[in-house]
Each structure stands twice: as C-alpha cells, then as structure tokens.
Amino acid sequence: MRLNAAVWINRQLVEVEASRPQAQQLSLAEGQQLKRSKVKACSFWGKLFDQRWCRVTLPEAVDENTWLEWLDQGEATLYIDDKAYFGFNVAHRRCRLPEGTKVVWLQSSCIQSAIWHPEANGMDAAGSYFEGAFVVRRDDVAWNAYHDLKCLFDLAMDQRHRENPQVPTTLNCAGLQAPVDKYTPVYRRMLRGMEDAANALDQKGIQAMRRSLAKLYQELKMDKTFSKCILTGHAHLDLVWIWPERMGELKAVNIFATVDRLMEEYPEYRFAYSQPASYEAVAKREPELFDRVKGRIESGKWQATGAMYVESDTMIACGEALARSFTLGQKGFEAINGALSKLTWLPDVFGYSACLPQIMKQTGVEYFFTTKMTWNAINRFPYSSFIWRGNDGSEILAHVTQDSGYVTHMEIDNIKAPMHANQQADVHEEYLLPTGYGDGGGGPTDGMLERARRLGSLPGMPEIEWDQPESFFERLNTVRNALPVHQGECYLEFHRGTFTTHGNLKASFRGLERAMQVAEAVAAATSKTWNMEDSWKRLVFAQFHDYIPGSSVWDVYMEDLPVLDRHAATQLDEAKKALAGKGEDCLFNPHAVEVSKWIDGLDASAYVSLPPLSGSSIESVIQDVPESVEVKGRKVSNGLAEFRVNASGWIDQLSWEGVEVPLSGPAGQLMLYPDHAANFEAWDIDRHVLSIGEVCKAKATLTCVEEGAHRAGIAVTRKIGEFSEATVTFMLEAGSPLVQVTVDLDWQEPESLLKLIFPTKYAATNARFGIPYGSVLRKQVPDGLQAEAQWEVPFSRYLAVFDEGEREGLFLATEDKYGATVREGSVGLSLVRSPRVTGYDAHNFAWPPHLTRLKIDSPYSDIGQHQIKLAIGRYDAELPRERQPASVAETLFTDPIAYTGKAIAPVIESISGCETLVPHWVKPTDSGYVLRLHEVAGRRGLVELKLQQGWSAARTDIGESMSTPLSGKLAFSPYEVVSVLIQKI
C-alpha cells in the first residue's frame, strides 16, 4: 500500500472543455469545430453510446515524465498532434505525454468499459461518471519496487495456499495469521527475503529495498522449470455484444492506440489481433493509426492472424456462408500481411463444427486455437495440444489453453493453472496464454507487462516469454507426430440456448443466406455482375459469436435486422434485373438439382419440373398434374403420404410411400417449458428445464385448409400458456411425400421455451444432424456422460432419426430453426424461447432517445408474431439426390424466380452416381462458376458430372488456390466438400 501510494505524485487537476454529448459520431476534425464548455470534475454526462469531444490544455512544463490521468467511467481515445495516441478505460487510466505537449483532444464514449475489470460498471440514467483529468508524475523507483514486491508477495500467497489449501490466498487483515510450521523451505525463504526488503525500506529507503529484492530474485531464480508460458497480448473484442457495431469500431481504435503506445514503453511486448472487420474499421476511422499498426506488423511486434473475417459462430451458418468468413478473412489478411493467415483464432465461440478442419485446410490454414472448450460443464475436454481431424479426415494442428479464458491478467493463478493443466506438457513444454483485458477492455496493461518481466524465473513458475501465436504453433508442429488425435466436432457443453434465442434474427440471417444463394446462382448463369461483397460482409459480420447467437443487446438487433433484410431484398432485386429482358414468361431454378414443385401466382397453379441452374419457359416445364390431395375427416393423403390428426390436434398416424412411421406418441405436439437459466439467460438452456415441460393441452379448434386441388391439410388452433396462441397447419402437396408444417404463433410467454415434438421409435444409437457442410452423428440414446451432456444440440437446416443402417427413418428440414433435443427417436424442435435480452435490465434506462422512442415494453426476446416453417419426410440414405434432406432444406424454402426474358440453358446436364454428394451452392467467378457439393452421409463414392458441350470442369478448393482438370468420374470421400470449377471452353 505504501509503495503503491508513492508511485503517482504531484497530481494536478487540469481544465477540460467538452462538446455537448450526442449520438452522432464525429471525426476529430469535426469535433474540433464544435462549441465547447468547461466540464466540472465529479459530474455525469451523456446517454448510453453518446460521444463528446474534449479539449485539455496542459501546464507549460510537460517533460518526459508527465502523464495524463483520465478518470471516466466510460472510454476515451487520446489524440496528440491530431493522431490517435492512447486508449483510456478503467483498465488503462494513465498515459505518458510526449515532451512539450501543450493541448490534447479526447474522444469520449458513454459506454461500459473493460467488462471483467473490478472497477467496471454499467451506465446509469445520469450517464458516464467523469471524475476528472489530472497531470501526474511517476516515481519510477517506487513503480519498480512495487512490482518487485507485489510479484513475490502474490507468489508467496499462492504457494502458501497450494501447500495448505485451507489457508486463503490473502493475509488476514486482523488477528492471527496461518502458522508456518509445515511449509517448504522456498516459502520460508520468500517470507524472510520480503521481511529483509521491508526492513531496508524502513531503514534506508526505496532504493535499498530494490537492491534487497534484486538479491532475493537472484537467489530464487529457477533455470529449469520444464514449462514455458508463451504470452501473446490479446484484447478479445466483441464487435457487438453489450454495445452496437459503431461502438465496437471505437473500441477497436481505443485498443489499437493503446497497444501501439505500450509497445513504445515495453520493447518485448508482442500482440496479436484477428478480425479484418476491425482493421477495416480502424483504417476507415483513423488511417494514420492503421498505418502505424501496419508498421508494427512489419516489425514483427504485432501479428494480424485469425483467418476469418470475424470470429464467427460455426454452428448456425450454412457451409458457404461459413466458408466466406474464411475467404473474406484471408483476403483481408493477405492485404495486411502480404500472406494468408496460417491460424484460425477462435477463443470464444459456442462450439466448433466438424467441417471446420476441412474449410481451414482448403483456405490455407494449418493451425487452430481456442480456450472455450474449457468451459465444458460435464466432460473435461481431454487435450491441450492435439491433431484435430475433421469429419472428412482433414487434419489441423490445434491448441486449447486449459483452465484459462481469453481474459487473463498475469496473476499467479492465471499462469499456473494452465501450466498444470497442460495435458501434453510431456511432449511439448510450451503453452500459449492470451493476456489482457478482453470483451472491450483494451488488452494488456502496463502492470501486466511489468509482472511478465518478473515472474518467469521464480520458484514454481514457468519460463515466461512474449511471442506470436503462429510462432508458437511452428514449434509445436515439430512434435506433431507425438500428439493425440481428436476426430469430429468439438461440441461445447454450454450455451445451448444460443441455437434458438432471437428467432426473428435467425430468420433474417437465413433469409439473407438464401438471397445470396439465389443472387450468385443468377450471376453464374447470366455472367452478369453487381456488388455482392457488401452483402457478403454483412452476412459474415452477422455470424459474429454474440450476434447470430442472439446474445447481444436490443440495440444490435433493432438497428441491424432491417439491414439484413434490406441486403436480402437488394440482392433478390438485382437477380431479377439480371434475368429480365424481352422474351417469354420463365422460371429460374437457382439450385444445381432438378426441382419439382407447384408454382402459384399464374393464371392457374402449375406443377413444374425445373432443370438444374437454368431458366426455362413456363410452358416447357409444366408437368402432368399429380394425384390430388384428399381430406377425409381428419385424414389427409395424396398417394405418396398420409397422416391422421386426432381430436386433440396431434398426428396419431403417419406413413409415406407405404411405410408406416412407428410413432411412440402423438406427433406435432407443442410442449411449453419454464426456462430460467441459472447464469447466462440468453445463452443457456439448463438440463432441468427439459424435465419440467408440459404438453399444451388447451382445447383445439380443427379446420380443414384447402388451397386448390393440389394443397390441403388441417389447421389446429389452441391457446399456448397463459397469453399465447398457435395455429399449427399440417399440409400435403400433390406430388410431394413431405408433410409441410407451418406454425403461426402469437408468442407472449416470458422466460419460456416452446418445442414441437415428433416422437418415433427410430432409436438407433445415433441421430444425424446437418452441419454447415456435411453432417455429424451424435448419440441419441442414454450412453454415459457425453451423450447426456448433449441435451440440446445445434443443427444446420435438417436432422434425421432412423433405425440402425439408416435405411428407414424420419427427417426434419427447417426454414430457419437450429436447436433440438433428440432422445431415443423423439425429436423436440425448439421453436422460440424468450429469455431476458442481454443488458436490458442493466441499461435500458440509459438508452439514448432514438432507442427510447421505439418503446420496447418487454425485456424478453421474441415476444410477438412468428411464422415458422418446416417439413418432415421419410429418411433413407439411399434416397435420390434431390430428396436427400440436405437438398430438401435448400430447395423447399427457396422458390424459383419468375421473370420475363430469355430461357437460360442448363450447363449441368446431370449428376449421376452416389446420391449423398449433394450440390450446395453455385459461386460465380471471372471465367465461369464454382459448383460446391458436399457429402452428407459419411459415404465414399464416384459421381459422373455431365456438362453441355463447350464447357469444361476442373477440381478446385474453397480458397480456389488450385485447378486440376477433371477426366472421367469425380471421386470423393466421406463428408468431403467438393468444388468443381466450370468454365466455357
């Protein structure tokens, strides 16, 4: 305490002038033109996310030891000579000023700062609390002596607790201290040495104390610890979370300026940052700062790495959208570094898809890092360093820092815990430790950097060294053959609610995915181009791991959902313009499989069969009318499928193509669950929730619904819970074996979860779940803790249950739902859940006026109207390609485009052979297009791709880094993503 108090001296309050707070964000040049008034110390200012510009006139004698101390509850970026110089927040309070500085400017943000810092607090209704600005001087002798003693003291307290866990890691403030009768000599030596140093301080002053401590450090020095902690500076930035995007951009400026300044003070400091989206934001807002950062990168002190455009959620997106995070990201890293990133950096997302190693391998990535798998709630992830083998066999070198998060502060336990938990320490003594305040906290502090200088040679501590992540992996790669292998997905046993939270967001996200799919298909078929990159960047940005999971504040969704919808509408409009012209009435099929369906909106409905990726005159594709749909009482049939609804409104009999579905109970039941997560409400569905659900048994009204002779079914309307109502419509369509289900829901139940249940006896050991590319098998039977931990799981677009052998079962395809419980043949599809929206209770009263005017009167997500679409069908792994669940999930919910213009002949004449290699996307290129296919059932095979005359095919990869001409049949392996470059000869 005495040393700490001696560090900062000659504290002098300085005058601050500030502009009026406003929501609009202005540049420095604009801010300098604003009218300003004097600011009182210890005052509040602004509303949440407001900005103000401050001008500080400094005393005349600013020398090399003059520091500006800025004490504000929010954040501020310091500008000197009109350049972003340093970022102030609760973790970074002081900055050394250049000699001779007379005037500085600060851009202040009314926003919570450094979430995990003990002094961090949310804004209140009065705004951000500004204590004042001061110039101070630092007594460097006291500063160094403080850190010398503090590191030893913290280590001694940690050692004491480890040797006797009943003793706390702090000293008693009064009364008896723990006895030292049974402690190791090293602990006794630390106590004696610190006592000698304290005596030297009392007798001869701080310099004598430092000499005493230096002698103690030398005595305690450990040359070989069999462990090495590789530090990399880290400032994990949530691009959105409890702040909207524009504030995330300001935080990036704040972080980058802070890191750059600390590198001046600490030459050994190394820092890494991912996310090209942030580099773009800084380049846009502060180009001079971005140039300085590029200089740091070129010097080797700063590493731009991570491979992805943003740190994307990897479970919800479709394959192509997830892959674009890599291709856009690698494009960004190549622009920054002149080379691709070798590392995927994902410390904090909510599970890691089994197709990730394959995507990484095909986009130039060799390494993978995370800390999140240590959040598992039931089963400990078994490895620290390992080979991650994807579902297709692709292998990536991976490291999980165990017993550590992505926010570490260089405290003793932050360093020791992952050292002791390094499962492969016998093979490779190093472990990687990201260090610094994350989640908007500005990264490492000068205190952390001081501790890093001291702790590495003390007893019980690992050797400590600053280095870059990719260098760490290069050394790890030398022992690659000695590492264990983990194959398949890395399922995170936590945050299971993120697959469902904010269903309206997920609907808009999936809507933009489908719009991009259509737009790129049209561009490929017409060879026309327009701006798609902006829409792709929006879609990929929305994959950020606190955006699409629904775990951000209201502000993010109120501001950004209309943007997603607008991009979708724009891309569809551009596609229609590209097709339009003189000619006849046509339909364009954006899929690379044949699509047969009913087209409405003509003079009369027509049943059409559309060739792959082509535009056809309507007259040329009209087919004979299939057997019509017949409704007799509560039974509906069309010759291909049949179901019966009982008096309660549930399906009690179901068959398709002559095969009776072995139901284990009524299907299509709505189940309502009270949903009160213990900790992270927007993120989690706790296990007990699924044990206390009740069937919605309110009296149902059944209505026959007919849409011409080709579409009919039964609509079931009933009350849900206390305040809600749902109409579930079960429909058949002539010519289709699918039972299409629509749920029109008026949802008014707070903190509740609603599921749609399909109980069957298809209870094979595993169920199959769609993932971005391919699929994954997960246990659905009681089979130990790993199976039990998967009480709610993610899927992308479809899932299936079946008997062993996958020749008979049921699949479910959804328009935009992603979470389910699957147990012993029973599928519980999660429709909506309504947790408290992140941050609502904490800061809704501090919202700026433009948000207050929206009059959100509920703290719960998804209260309101929903229309949910899905289909159930017969599952058989041998189904034709167009009937595979992966195909149905694409074609059923994305309609052909009607246009007037010329027919467009299909280039792809046919794809024949193994039916589980399913086309997923068509991506235009300068010279043709890439047909993306993925194997969805774990099978190996050959297909024959027939093209129209005048076209050629070559194998490429997701990154389009190679091209090998195709001759003969196309060979593929289980779960492989196959990319075929199709070009005109």
Foldseek 3Di string as FASTA:
>chain_A
DVLVVQFKDPKFFFKKWKAAWDQDDDAPVVQVPGDIDTDDAFAFHAFAFTKMKMKTFDDQFQAQFKKKFWDKLFKKFKAFPSAGAAIDHPQAGMDGDHGRGGMIMIITTQAFALVPDPSTAGADLRTMTTRGMIMIGGPVLSVLLVLLLVLLLQVLLVQVCVVPVVAHSDFDPDDDGDDDPDHDPQSVLSVVLQVVLVVCCVPPRSVSSVVSSVVSLVVQFAPDDLAEEAEAWDAAAQCFFQHANVVSLVLLSNLLSNVLRVCVVPVQHAYEDEALVNLVSCCVRGVVSSVSVLVCCVVQRYYYAAQFNFLFAFFAAAQLLRLVRRLVRQVSNCVSPVGGHQEHERADFQWFFLCVLVSQVQRNHAEYEYQQLLQADFDRDQAAWAWEQGLQGRTHTYGHQHPEGLEAAQRPCNQLVSQVVHNCSVQPNYHYRHYARYHSHNIYDVSNVSSLVRNQGGPPGHHYGYHDPVVVVVVVVVSHVVHYYDHGISHGLWLLLLLFAQLLQLLLLLLLVLLVQLLQLLCQQLVDDDDPVVLSVLSSSCRRRCRSSQNHFPVHCVPCSVVSNVNSVVSNVVSQVSFFDAFAKKWFASAQQWDWDWDDPDVHIFTFIHHGSWIDHPVVTGDDFFAFWDDDPQWIDRCAKIWGADQQGFTPWIDGPPGTFAFPDTFFWKKKWQADDPPRRSRGGDPCRVVPIDTQRFRWDKDWDDDPRFKIFIWIWGADDDDKIWIWTFMDGHPDRKTKIKIKIQDDDARMWMWGKGGGQLQAQWKWAAGSFAIDTAGQEPDDRVNSSPQKDWGYFKIWGHHPPFAWTKMKGWSRRTMWGHHNRMIITTHHGWYFHPCCVSRVSSHDPVVVVVVPPDRIHPNGIDMIIMIMHITGQQDAQCPHSLNCSSDVNNGIDIYHHDIRDFFWPDKDDRNQFHFDHWGADSFHIKTKTWRHDQAWIWIDTDGDPQKFKWWAGSNRPDTHGDDGIDTGGTGDITIIGMGGD
